[in-house]
Amino acid sequence: ASVAAPRQLVLNFSERLQPKFSTARLTRNDAETPVKTVVGKDGASLIVTPGRPLTAGAYKLHWQVVTADTHKMQGDVAFTVR
């Protein structure tokens, strides 16, 4: 997807997450962008807030979470800031 620079990225899950083991990394051209990652008040969303405004370019958000029943999941979301 090509989007305007987001202030937050929100991933929604069907199960509650364990905050201590749920994280994300944001990279652009293999350089990591600092982010703050928290589990939302609903317990089933991962909220990723970049530490600085995102500039134009291609990004990859790598996430990994552990659900309340200890099921581990991970994946990537690619997007482009225009």
Protein backbone atom coordinates (compact mmCIF):
# COMPACT_ATOMS: atom_id res chain seq x y z
CA ALA A 1 0.00 0.00 0.00
CA SER A 2 1.07 3.57 -0.62
CA VAL A 3 0.04 5.90 2.19
CA ALA A 4 0.65 9.32 3.69
CA ALA A 5 3.09 9.14 6.61
CA PRO A 6 1.19 7.40 9.44
CA ARG A 7 1.52 8.55 13.04
CA GLN A 8 0.68 5.05 14.26
CA LEU A 9 0.41 1.57 12.80
CA VAL A 10 -2.23 -0.67 14.38
CA LEU A 11 -2.38 -4.44 13.94
CA ASN A 12 -5.56 -6.16 15.14
CA PHE A 13 -5.65 -9.78 16.28
CA SER A 14 -8.48 -12.16 17.14
CA GLU A 15 -6.94 -13.16 20.47
CA ARG A 16 -5.61 -11.26 23.47
CA LEU A 17 -1.86 -10.58 23.43
CA GLN A 18 0.78 -10.90 26.11
CA PRO A 19 2.29 -7.38 26.22
CA LYS A 20 5.65 -8.55 27.57
CA PHE A 21 6.25 -10.73 24.49
CA SER A 22 4.61 -8.66 21.74
CA THR A 23 6.95 -6.40 19.77
CA ALA A 24 7.60 -4.84 16.37
CA ARG A 25 10.50 -3.49 14.32
CA LEU A 26 10.22 -0.93 11.54
CA THR A 27 12.91 -0.81 8.85
CA ARG A 28 13.62 1.18 5.72
CA ASN A 29 16.54 0.20 3.46
CA ASP A 30 17.70 -2.20 6.20
CA ALA A 31 18.02 0.70 8.67
CA GLU A 32 15.85 0.43 11.77
CA THR A 33 13.49 3.26 12.68
CA PRO A 34 12.90 3.57 16.43
CA VAL A 35 9.36 2.72 17.51
CA LYS A 36 7.30 2.46 20.67
CA THR A 37 5.17 -0.70 20.75
CA VAL A 38 2.25 -1.26 23.13
CA VAL A 39 -0.72 -3.56 23.32
CA GLY A 40 -3.97 -1.59 23.01
CA LYS A 41 -6.55 -1.29 25.79
CA ASP A 42 -8.64 -3.94 24.03
CA GLY A 43 -5.79 -6.41 24.62
CA ALA A 44 -5.95 -7.65 21.02
CA SER A 45 -4.25 -4.86 19.07
CA LEU A 46 -0.58 -3.99 18.71
CA ILE A 47 0.02 -0.24 18.39
CA VAL A 48 3.32 0.83 16.84
CA THR A 49 4.29 4.50 17.06
CA PRO A 50 7.36 5.68 15.11
CA GLY A 51 9.83 7.70 17.18
CA ARG A 52 10.07 10.32 14.42
CA PRO A 53 8.00 11.29 11.36
CA LEU A 54 8.37 8.82 8.51
CA THR A 55 9.89 10.16 5.30
CA ALA A 56 9.01 9.01 1.79
CA GLY A 57 10.14 5.51 0.92
CA ALA A 58 9.47 1.78 1.32
CA TYR A 59 9.13 0.37 4.85
CA LYS A 60 8.73 -3.07 6.39
CA LEU A 61 7.04 -3.63 9.74
CA HIS A 62 8.08 -6.95 11.28
CA TRP A 63 5.88 -7.98 14.18
CA GLN A 64 5.87 -10.87 16.60
CA VAL A 65 3.30 -11.55 19.27
CA VAL A 66 2.45 -14.14 21.85
CA THR A 67 -1.24 -14.69 22.57
CA ALA A 68 -2.77 -15.32 25.97
CA ASP A 69 -2.68 -19.09 25.30
CA THR A 70 1.08 -18.81 24.50
CA HIS A 71 0.62 -19.22 20.72
CA LYS A 72 3.51 -17.43 18.93
CA MET A 73 2.89 -15.59 15.65
CA GLN A 74 4.97 -13.30 13.48
CA GLY A 75 4.79 -11.60 10.13
CA ASP A 76 5.66 -8.62 7.98
CA VAL A 77 3.68 -5.72 6.56
CA ALA A 78 5.22 -3.75 3.72
CA PHE A 79 4.08 -0.24 2.82
CA THR A 80 5.35 2.84 1.04
CA VAL A 81 5.14 6.39 2.37
CA ARG A 82 4.56 8.82 -0.47
